[in-house]
Protein backbone atom coordinates (compact mmCIF):
# COMPACT_ATOMS: atom_id res chain seq x y z
CA UNK A 1 22.59 278.36 81.72
CA UNK A 2 19.15 278.98 80.26
CA UNK A 3 18.03 282.55 79.90
CA UNK A 4 14.93 281.88 81.98
CA UNK A 5 17.04 280.86 84.96
CA UNK A 6 19.05 284.07 85.03
CA UNK A 7 15.88 286.10 84.55
CA UNK A 8 14.39 284.18 87.49
CA UNK A 9 17.43 285.01 89.62
CA UNK A 10 17.02 288.72 88.88
CA UNK A 11 13.31 288.58 89.67
CA UNK A 12 13.97 286.97 93.05
CA UNK A 13 16.92 289.10 94.12
CA UNK A 14 15.88 292.56 92.93
CA UNK A 15 13.15 293.66 95.31
CA UNK A 16 11.71 297.14 95.88
CA UNK A 17 12.25 298.16 99.50
CA UNK A 18 11.36 301.26 101.49
CA UNK A 19 13.74 301.95 104.35
CA UNK A 20 16.71 299.99 105.66
CA UNK A 21 15.75 296.32 105.52
CA UNK A 22 16.58 295.47 109.16
CA UNK A 23 14.07 297.83 110.88
CA UNK A 24 11.67 297.06 108.03
CA UNK A 25 11.89 293.34 108.83
CA UNK A 26 11.26 294.05 112.52
CA UNK A 27 8.21 296.13 111.59
CA UNK A 28 7.01 293.34 109.30
CA UNK A 29 7.27 290.77 112.10
CA UNK A 30 5.41 293.04 114.53
CA UNK A 31 2.69 293.91 112.02
CA UNK A 32 2.19 290.24 111.20
CA UNK A 33 1.93 289.38 114.90
CA UNK A 34 -0.62 292.13 115.62
CA UNK A 35 -2.61 291.17 112.53
CA UNK A 36 -3.24 287.74 114.04
CA UNK A 37 -4.96 288.96 117.20
CA UNK A 38 -7.54 291.49 118.36
CA UNK A 39 -7.60 293.99 121.19
CA UNK A 40 -5.45 296.87 122.40
CA UNK A 41 -1.71 296.30 122.66
CA UNK A 42 -0.50 295.71 126.20
CA UNK A 43 3.03 294.55 125.52
CA UNK A 44 5.50 294.09 122.66
CA UNK A 45 8.71 292.11 123.00
CA UNK A 46 11.30 292.02 120.24
CA UNK A 47 14.45 289.94 120.25
CA UNK A 48 16.94 289.93 117.39
CA UNK A 49 20.30 288.50 116.42
CA UNK A 50 23.39 290.64 116.81
CA UNK A 51 23.63 291.47 113.12
CA UNK A 52 20.04 292.71 113.05
CA UNK A 53 20.67 294.84 116.14
CA UNK A 54 23.76 296.35 114.49
CA UNK A 55 21.78 297.44 111.45
CA UNK A 56 18.55 298.51 113.17
CA UNK A 57 19.96 300.39 116.15
CA UNK A 58 20.89 303.72 114.59
CA UNK A 59 19.60 303.87 111.03
CA UNK A 60 16.89 306.31 109.98
CA UNK A 61 13.34 305.12 109.31
CA UNK A 62 11.53 306.70 106.32
CA UNK A 63 9.54 309.77 107.29
CA UNK A 64 10.17 309.31 111.02
CA UNK A 65 12.32 311.07 113.63
CA UNK A 66 12.65 308.14 116.05
CA UNK A 67 14.96 305.16 115.59
CA UNK A 68 15.70 301.79 117.18
CA UNK A 69 14.43 298.23 117.46
CA UNK A 70 11.69 299.11 119.94
CA UNK A 71 10.38 301.90 117.72
CA UNK A 72 10.44 299.74 114.56
CA UNK A 73 8.45 297.03 116.37
CA UNK A 74 5.95 299.48 117.83
CA UNK A 75 5.47 301.24 114.50
CA UNK A 76 4.86 297.96 112.70
CA UNK A 77 2.39 296.80 115.36
CA UNK A 78 0.30 299.98 115.42
CA UNK A 79 0.27 300.89 111.74
CA UNK A 80 1.97 298.33 109.50
CA UNK A 81 0.25 296.36 106.75
CA UNK A 82 1.99 292.96 106.51
CA UNK A 83 0.71 292.52 102.95
CA UNK A 84 3.19 295.20 101.84
CA UNK A 85 6.18 293.06 102.86
CA UNK A 86 9.39 295.14 102.55
CA UNK A 87 7.36 298.23 101.61
CA UNK A 88 5.51 298.03 104.93
CA UNK A 89 6.53 301.55 105.95
CA UNK A 90 5.01 303.13 102.84
CA UNK A 91 2.34 305.68 103.68
CA UNK A 92 2.91 305.83 107.45
CA UNK A 93 2.39 309.23 109.07
CA UNK A 94 3.58 311.34 111.98
CA UNK A 95 0.38 310.32 113.78
CA UNK A 96 1.50 306.69 113.47
CA UNK A 97 4.90 307.68 114.88
CA UNK A 98 3.24 309.31 117.90
CA UNK A 99 1.14 306.19 118.53
CA UNK A 100 4.27 304.05 118.45
CA UNK A 101 6.19 306.41 120.73
CA UNK A 102 3.27 306.42 123.21
CA UNK A 103 3.61 302.65 123.61
CA UNK A 104 7.33 303.06 124.28
CA UNK A 105 6.75 305.89 126.78
CA UNK A 106 4.24 303.69 128.62
CA UNK A 107 6.88 300.99 128.99
CA UNK A 108 5.01 298.52 126.80
CA UNK A 109 7.86 297.77 124.38
CA UNK A 110 10.99 295.78 125.22
CA UNK A 111 13.90 294.95 122.94
CA UNK A 112 16.94 292.73 123.43
CA UNK A 113 19.33 290.25 121.86
CA UNK A 114 18.12 286.78 120.93
CA UNK A 115 20.10 283.71 121.96
CA UNK A 116 20.55 282.24 118.50
CA UNK A 117 23.41 281.18 116.22
CA UNK A 118 21.57 282.68 113.23
CA UNK A 119 22.88 285.93 111.86
CA UNK A 120 19.44 287.04 110.68
CA UNK A 121 16.81 286.32 113.31
CA UNK A 122 13.85 288.37 114.57
CA UNK A 123 11.27 287.28 117.13
CA UNK A 124 8.35 289.55 118.02
CA UNK A 125 5.68 288.81 120.62
CA UNK A 126 2.60 291.03 120.74
CA UNK A 127 0.20 290.74 123.67
CA UNK A 128 -3.24 292.33 124.00
CA UNK A 129 -5.74 292.09 126.86
CA UNK A 130 -7.30 289.18 124.97
CA UNK A 131 -4.60 287.25 123.10
CA UNK A 132 -0.89 286.77 122.48
CA UNK A 133 0.94 286.10 119.22
CA UNK A 134 4.50 285.38 118.19
CA UNK A 135 6.20 285.77 114.81
CA UNK A 136 9.69 284.67 113.80
CA UNK A 137 11.61 285.86 110.74
CA UNK A 138 14.89 284.14 109.99
CA UNK A 139 17.63 283.91 107.35
CA UNK A 140 15.93 286.40 105.02
CA UNK A 141 14.33 289.75 105.76
CA UNK A 142 10.84 288.65 104.70
CA UNK A 143 11.15 284.94 105.47
CA UNK A 144 8.49 284.26 108.13
CA UNK A 145 9.16 280.81 109.62
CA UNK A 146 6.65 280.83 112.50
CA UNK A 147 3.33 282.43 113.39
CA UNK A 148 1.94 281.40 116.77
CA UNK A 149 -1.34 282.48 118.40
CA UNK A 150 -2.09 281.73 122.06
CA UNK A 151 0.69 279.15 122.16
CA UNK A 152 -0.43 277.24 119.05
CA UNK A 153 1.39 277.38 115.72
CA UNK A 154 -0.90 278.61 112.96
CA UNK A 155 1.89 278.82 110.38
CA UNK A 156 5.15 276.93 110.02
CA UNK A 157 6.93 277.82 106.84
CA UNK A 158 9.61 279.86 105.23
CA UNK A 159 12.90 278.37 104.15
CA UNK A 160 15.48 277.37 106.73
CA UNK A 161 18.98 278.79 106.21
CA UNK A 162 17.94 280.73 103.14
CA UNK A 163 20.91 283.02 102.66
CA UNK A 164 19.46 284.16 99.37
CA UNK A 165 16.03 283.92 97.74
CA UNK A 166 17.09 281.88 94.70
CA UNK A 167 17.19 278.08 94.76
CA UNK A 168 20.68 276.64 95.16
CA UNK A 169 20.50 274.65 91.94
CA UNK A 170 19.80 277.86 90.03
CA UNK A 171 22.97 279.40 91.44
CA UNK A 172 25.30 276.43 91.02
CA UNK A 173 25.85 277.07 87.32
CA UNK A 174 26.19 280.82 87.77
CA UNK A 175 29.73 281.96 86.94
CA UNK A 176 31.16 285.24 85.70
CA UNK A 177 31.72 283.64 82.28
CA UNK A 178 28.08 282.59 81.98
CA UNK A 179 26.81 285.93 83.29
CA UNK A 180 28.90 287.77 80.69
CA UNK A 181 27.70 285.58 77.83
CA UNK A 182 24.09 286.11 78.89
CA UNK A 183 24.55 289.90 79.12
CA UNK A 184 25.83 289.97 75.54
CA UNK A 185 22.90 287.93 74.20
CA UNK A 186 19.86 288.94 76.26
CA UNK A 187 17.17 291.05 74.64
CA UNK A 188 17.22 294.37 76.49
CA UNK A 189 13.39 294.23 76.53
CA UNK A 190 13.76 291.40 79.06
CA UNK A 191 15.69 293.67 81.44
CA UNK A 192 12.73 295.75 82.58
CA UNK A 193 13.47 295.06 86.26
CA UNK A 194 17.05 296.24 85.80
CA UNK A 195 15.80 299.41 84.10
CA UNK A 196 13.43 299.93 87.03
CA UNK A 197 16.38 299.59 89.44
CA UNK A 198 18.16 302.36 87.54
CA UNK A 199 15.11 304.64 87.71
CA UNK A 200 14.40 304.11 91.43
CA UNK A 201 17.98 304.25 92.63
CA UNK A 202 18.88 307.21 90.41
CA UNK A 203 15.93 309.09 91.91
CA UNK A 204 17.17 308.61 95.48
CA UNK A 205 20.69 309.53 94.36
CA UNK A 206 19.41 312.85 93.01
CA UNK A 207 17.39 313.30 96.21
CA UNK A 208 20.58 312.93 98.24
CA UNK A 209 22.37 315.47 96.08
CA UNK A 210 19.59 318.06 96.41
CA UNK A 211 18.49 317.53 100.01
CA UNK A 212 20.09 317.56 103.45
CA UNK A 213 20.58 313.95 104.51
CA UNK A 214 22.92 312.34 107.01
CA UNK A 215 26.55 313.28 106.50
CA UNK A 216 25.88 314.74 103.03
CA UNK A 217 28.78 312.70 101.67
CA UNK A 218 27.61 312.76 98.05
CA UNK A 219 26.55 316.39 98.17
CA UNK A 220 29.87 317.44 99.73
CA UNK A 221 31.79 315.71 96.93
CA UNK A 222 29.58 317.47 94.36
CA UNK A 223 30.04 320.85 96.07
CA UNK A 224 33.81 320.47 96.06
CA UNK A 225 33.75 319.66 92.34
CA UNK A 226 31.93 322.95 91.79
CA UNK A 227 34.57 324.75 93.88
CA UNK A 228 37.35 323.23 91.79
CA UNK A 229 38.82 321.36 94.77
CA UNK A 230 37.90 317.97 93.27
CA UNK A 231 38.02 317.14 89.57
CA UNK A 232 34.87 316.33 87.61
CA UNK A 233 36.03 312.87 86.55
CA UNK A 234 34.63 309.36 86.31
CA UNK A 235 35.57 308.29 89.84
CA UNK A 236 34.23 311.45 91.47
CA UNK A 237 30.94 311.20 89.57
CA UNK A 238 30.52 307.58 90.69
CA UNK A 239 31.37 308.41 94.30
CA UNK A 240 29.09 311.44 94.48
CA UNK A 241 25.92 309.89 93.04
CA UNK A 242 26.23 306.56 94.87
CA UNK A 243 27.08 308.15 98.22
CA UNK A 244 24.19 310.60 97.86
CA UNK A 245 21.77 307.70 97.41
CA UNK A 246 23.09 306.12 100.59
CA UNK A 247 22.96 309.47 102.43
CA UNK A 248 19.25 309.75 101.66
CA UNK A 249 18.40 306.12 102.39
CA UNK A 250 20.27 305.90 105.69
CA UNK A 251 18.77 309.18 106.92
CA UNK A 252 15.16 308.09 106.37
CA UNK A 253 14.18 309.25 102.88
CA UNK A 254 10.68 308.16 101.93
CA UNK A 255 11.79 307.16 98.42
CA UNK A 256 11.90 303.40 97.70
CA UNK A 257 14.97 301.71 96.25
CA UNK A 258 15.64 298.50 94.36
CA UNK A 259 17.47 296.23 96.81
CA UNK A 260 19.99 293.63 95.71
CA UNK A 261 19.95 290.36 97.72
CA UNK A 262 18.02 291.97 100.55
CA UNK A 263 20.08 295.15 100.91
CA UNK A 264 18.96 298.56 99.71
CA UNK A 265 22.38 300.11 100.27
CA UNK A 266 23.85 297.29 98.23
CA UNK A 267 21.30 297.94 95.50
CA UNK A 268 22.41 301.58 95.44
CA UNK A 269 26.10 300.63 95.36
CA UNK A 270 25.50 298.14 92.54
CA UNK A 271 23.63 300.57 90.29
CA UNK A 272 24.64 304.18 90.88
CA UNK A 273 28.42 304.06 90.26
CA UNK A 274 27.60 302.35 86.95
CA UNK A 275 24.84 304.85 86.10
CA UNK A 276 27.15 307.77 86.89
CA UNK A 277 29.91 306.28 84.74
CA UNK A 278 27.48 305.58 81.89
CA UNK A 279 26.23 309.16 81.97
CA UNK A 280 29.77 310.51 82.09
CA UNK A 281 30.80 308.35 79.13
CA UNK A 282 27.57 309.20 77.27
CA UNK A 283 26.85 305.60 76.31
CA UNK A 284 23.47 304.47 75.00
CA UNK A 285 20.64 303.57 77.38
CA UNK A 286 20.85 299.94 76.21
CA UNK A 287 24.56 299.76 77.06
CA UNK A 288 23.89 301.24 80.49
CA UNK A 289 21.08 298.76 81.20
CA UNK A 290 23.26 295.80 80.17
CA UNK A 291 26.11 297.11 82.34
CA UNK A 292 23.86 297.51 85.39
CA UNK A 293 22.47 294.00 84.80
CA UNK A 294 26.05 292.70 84.78
CA UNK A 295 26.75 294.52 88.05
CA UNK A 296 23.59 293.11 89.69
CA UNK A 297 24.31 289.54 88.60
CA UNK A 298 27.98 289.45 89.60
CA UNK A 299 27.03 290.86 93.01
CA UNK A 300 24.26 288.25 93.39
CA UNK A 301 26.78 285.56 92.40
CA UNK A 302 29.19 286.72 95.11
CA UNK A 303 26.51 287.28 97.76
CA UNK A 304 25.09 283.79 97.19
CA UNK A 305 28.34 282.49 98.71
CA UNK A 306 28.97 285.39 101.08
CA UNK A 307 25.64 285.38 102.90
CA UNK A 308 23.17 288.14 103.76
CA UNK A 309 24.80 289.47 106.93
CA UNK A 310 28.44 289.35 107.94
CA UNK A 311 31.09 291.21 109.92
CA UNK A 312 32.27 292.48 106.54
CA UNK A 313 30.50 295.27 104.67
CA UNK A 314 28.25 293.94 101.89
CA UNK A 315 28.91 297.03 99.79
CA UNK A 316 32.35 295.56 99.05
CA UNK A 317 30.63 292.85 97.00
CA UNK A 318 28.63 295.55 95.23
CA UNK A 319 31.90 297.29 94.39
CA UNK A 320 33.08 294.11 92.68
CA UNK A 321 29.96 294.01 90.51
CA UNK A 322 30.19 297.74 89.73
CA UNK A 323 33.86 297.43 88.75
CA UNK A 324 33.05 294.69 86.25
CA UNK A 325 30.25 296.81 84.81
CA UNK A 326 32.50 299.85 84.40
CA UNK A 327 34.95 297.67 82.42
CA UNK A 328 32.00 296.71 80.20
CA UNK A 329 31.12 300.38 79.69
CA UNK A 330 34.70 301.04 78.59
CA UNK A 331 34.57 298.20 76.02
CA UNK A 332 36.64 295.75 78.06
CA UNK A 333 36.27 291.99 77.59
CA UNK A 334 35.74 289.04 79.89
CA UNK A 335 39.37 288.76 81.03
CA UNK A 336 39.44 292.42 82.01
CA UNK A 337 36.11 292.03 83.82
CA UNK A 338 37.58 289.18 85.86
CA UNK A 339 40.71 291.23 86.55
CA UNK A 340 38.58 294.14 87.81
CA UNK A 341 36.80 291.83 90.25
CA UNK A 342 40.16 290.45 91.41
CA UNK A 343 41.51 293.96 91.95
CA UNK A 344 38.46 294.98 93.98
CA UNK A 345 38.66 291.86 96.14
CA UNK A 346 42.30 292.64 96.85
CA UNK A 347 41.46 296.21 97.85
CA UNK A 348 38.34 296.32 100.06
CA UNK A 349 38.07 292.82 101.55
CA UNK A 350 38.74 293.94 105.13
CA UNK A 351 36.06 296.65 105.38
CA UNK A 352 33.98 295.86 108.46
CA UNK A 353 30.27 296.41 109.00
CA UNK A 354 29.54 298.31 112.21
CA UNK A 355 25.84 298.65 111.57
CA UNK A 356 23.52 300.58 109.28
CA UNK A 357 23.89 304.31 109.83
CA UNK A 358 24.65 307.63 108.12
CA UNK A 359 28.33 306.70 107.83
CA UNK A 360 27.47 303.89 105.40
CA UNK A 361 27.50 306.54 102.67
CA UNK A 362 31.25 306.96 103.19
CA UNK A 363 31.76 303.23 102.61
CA UNK A 364 29.62 303.40 99.49
CA UNK A 365 31.78 306.28 98.30
CA UNK A 366 34.98 304.34 99.01
CA UNK A 367 33.79 301.21 97.19
CA UNK A 368 32.60 303.29 94.22
CA UNK A 369 36.03 304.87 93.93
CA UNK A 370 37.68 301.45 94.19
CA UNK A 371 35.34 300.10 91.50
CA UNK A 372 36.56 302.74 89.03
CA UNK A 373 40.20 302.36 90.03
CA UNK A 374 40.07 298.56 89.72
CA UNK A 375 38.38 298.78 86.33
CA UNK A 376 40.97 301.20 84.96
CA UNK A 377 43.83 298.99 86.16
CA UNK A 378 42.19 295.96 84.54
CA UNK A 379 41.73 297.83 81.26
CA UNK A 380 45.46 298.51 81.34
CA UNK A 381 46.05 294.78 81.82
CA UNK A 382 47.04 295.20 85.47
CA UNK A 383 45.72 292.57 87.87
CA UNK A 384 46.65 291.62 91.42
CA UNK A 385 48.89 288.55 91.22
CA UNK A 386 48.04 285.21 92.78
CA UNK A 387 51.26 285.59 94.79
CA UNK A 388 49.54 288.37 96.75
CA UNK A 389 47.31 287.72 99.75
CA UNK A 390 44.50 285.22 99.19
CA UNK A 391 44.02 286.08 95.51
CA UNK A 392 44.00 283.04 93.17
CA UNK A 393 44.66 282.80 89.45
CA UNK A 394 40.98 281.83 89.07
CA UNK A 395 38.60 284.67 89.99
CA UNK A 396 35.97 282.16 91.14
CA UNK A 397 38.42 280.79 93.72
CA UNK A 398 39.24 284.34 94.84
CA UNK A 399 35.51 284.93 95.36
CA UNK A 400 35.28 281.73 97.42
CA UNK A 401 38.21 282.87 99.60
CA UNK A 402 36.64 286.29 100.10
CA UNK A 403 33.35 284.66 101.11
CA UNK A 404 35.08 282.28 103.53
CA UNK A 405 36.69 285.30 105.15
CA UNK A 406 33.28 286.92 105.55
CA UNK A 407 31.49 283.79 106.78
CA UNK A 408 34.07 281.87 108.79
CA UNK A 409 36.91 284.25 109.54
CA UNK A 410 35.11 287.12 111.21
CA UNK A 411 32.74 285.62 113.79
CA UNK A 412 34.80 286.88 116.73
CA UNK A 413 35.13 290.26 115.03
CA UNK A 414 31.35 290.39 114.64
CA UNK A 415 30.84 289.75 118.36
CA UNK A 416 33.40 292.39 119.30
CA UNK A 417 31.83 295.01 117.00
CA UNK A 418 28.41 294.46 118.59
CA UNK A 419 29.92 294.57 122.08
CA UNK A 420 31.62 297.88 121.35
CA UNK A 421 28.41 299.31 119.89
CA UNK A 422 26.32 298.26 122.89
CA UNK A 423 28.86 299.70 125.38
CA UNK A 424 28.21 303.27 124.18
């Protein structure tokens, strides 16, 4: 694979995002709809697929106290700038929050589930005393497929069934072998976006460790290290920093993160266990950047088959990438990298996604711990056998099986999770 193609993949899949991407996408759709028409808002209607509802229902929104689909739509409509895309919430104020809440209090905002087979689907209708507009986002958090004003389509676009931003032909040749070879050869000067992901995500990790966010998973781990209850080792360092980043993001920190394949939490889980391990091992900055690039690319490779949203937690895929990167940091080779991925697949494959929320930090912590454990087993030439579960001799076939489980094997589970969430 040509260097330019892998660089292109990184450029398309590493995107700066502010706030959890599901409410952000709802706000983007609402802001785009309001931007098309004039007049005071009389009514906002938002409908979303079950997976979007799961992830937008309870998660914090940067700088805001309120939560929910209706609030995200109202906030986007009254104050969002659609030109900012996934950074649409940047710069919004408490005054904007009050304007959005006023619309909700007046009964002008309605939210419900869309009747669609798509896992990522958002439809927002904004009506003023003069006009009405409709915007649809599908398959990707910023993929606008329809803009309609007064019943007439003014934009038909986007990419149907785009599970990932990169073109399929660019991903076909992407294998762990080719990723590894590229990581060894690439000029580190060409990994500026990866370095930026380290800077942004490390900043929110430190924010989570110093502030009071969500469940304080990362901070609690750190505090117990100081008390001598937990040891100050590689796994604990990875768990603490990564979980702290998720704590802050899920609780509404105003710091942006570098998302991986549309997920900020996944971007955190791809980078921060590796950064923590690199700092603990005192490797060079160049080695750390190459390791994080490896983690990003293996996760992108897996997610290109897995899909954006599933009944399974996407952080599991990030754990697979992080495990491979930790092997790299510890001077392991390609066979040990593959073994680490195999071990991680065999460990966390069944972790379900029950929506974006503060508790996501616990799952990030778990997958970070598994990433270290799987890497250490691989470095000791221990790998889950193909006689066990759905693991194959070939890691690429194991990845395919894992992705089939996420895409085809959990549809009923997905429906049940949403049903249980909505019954509360």
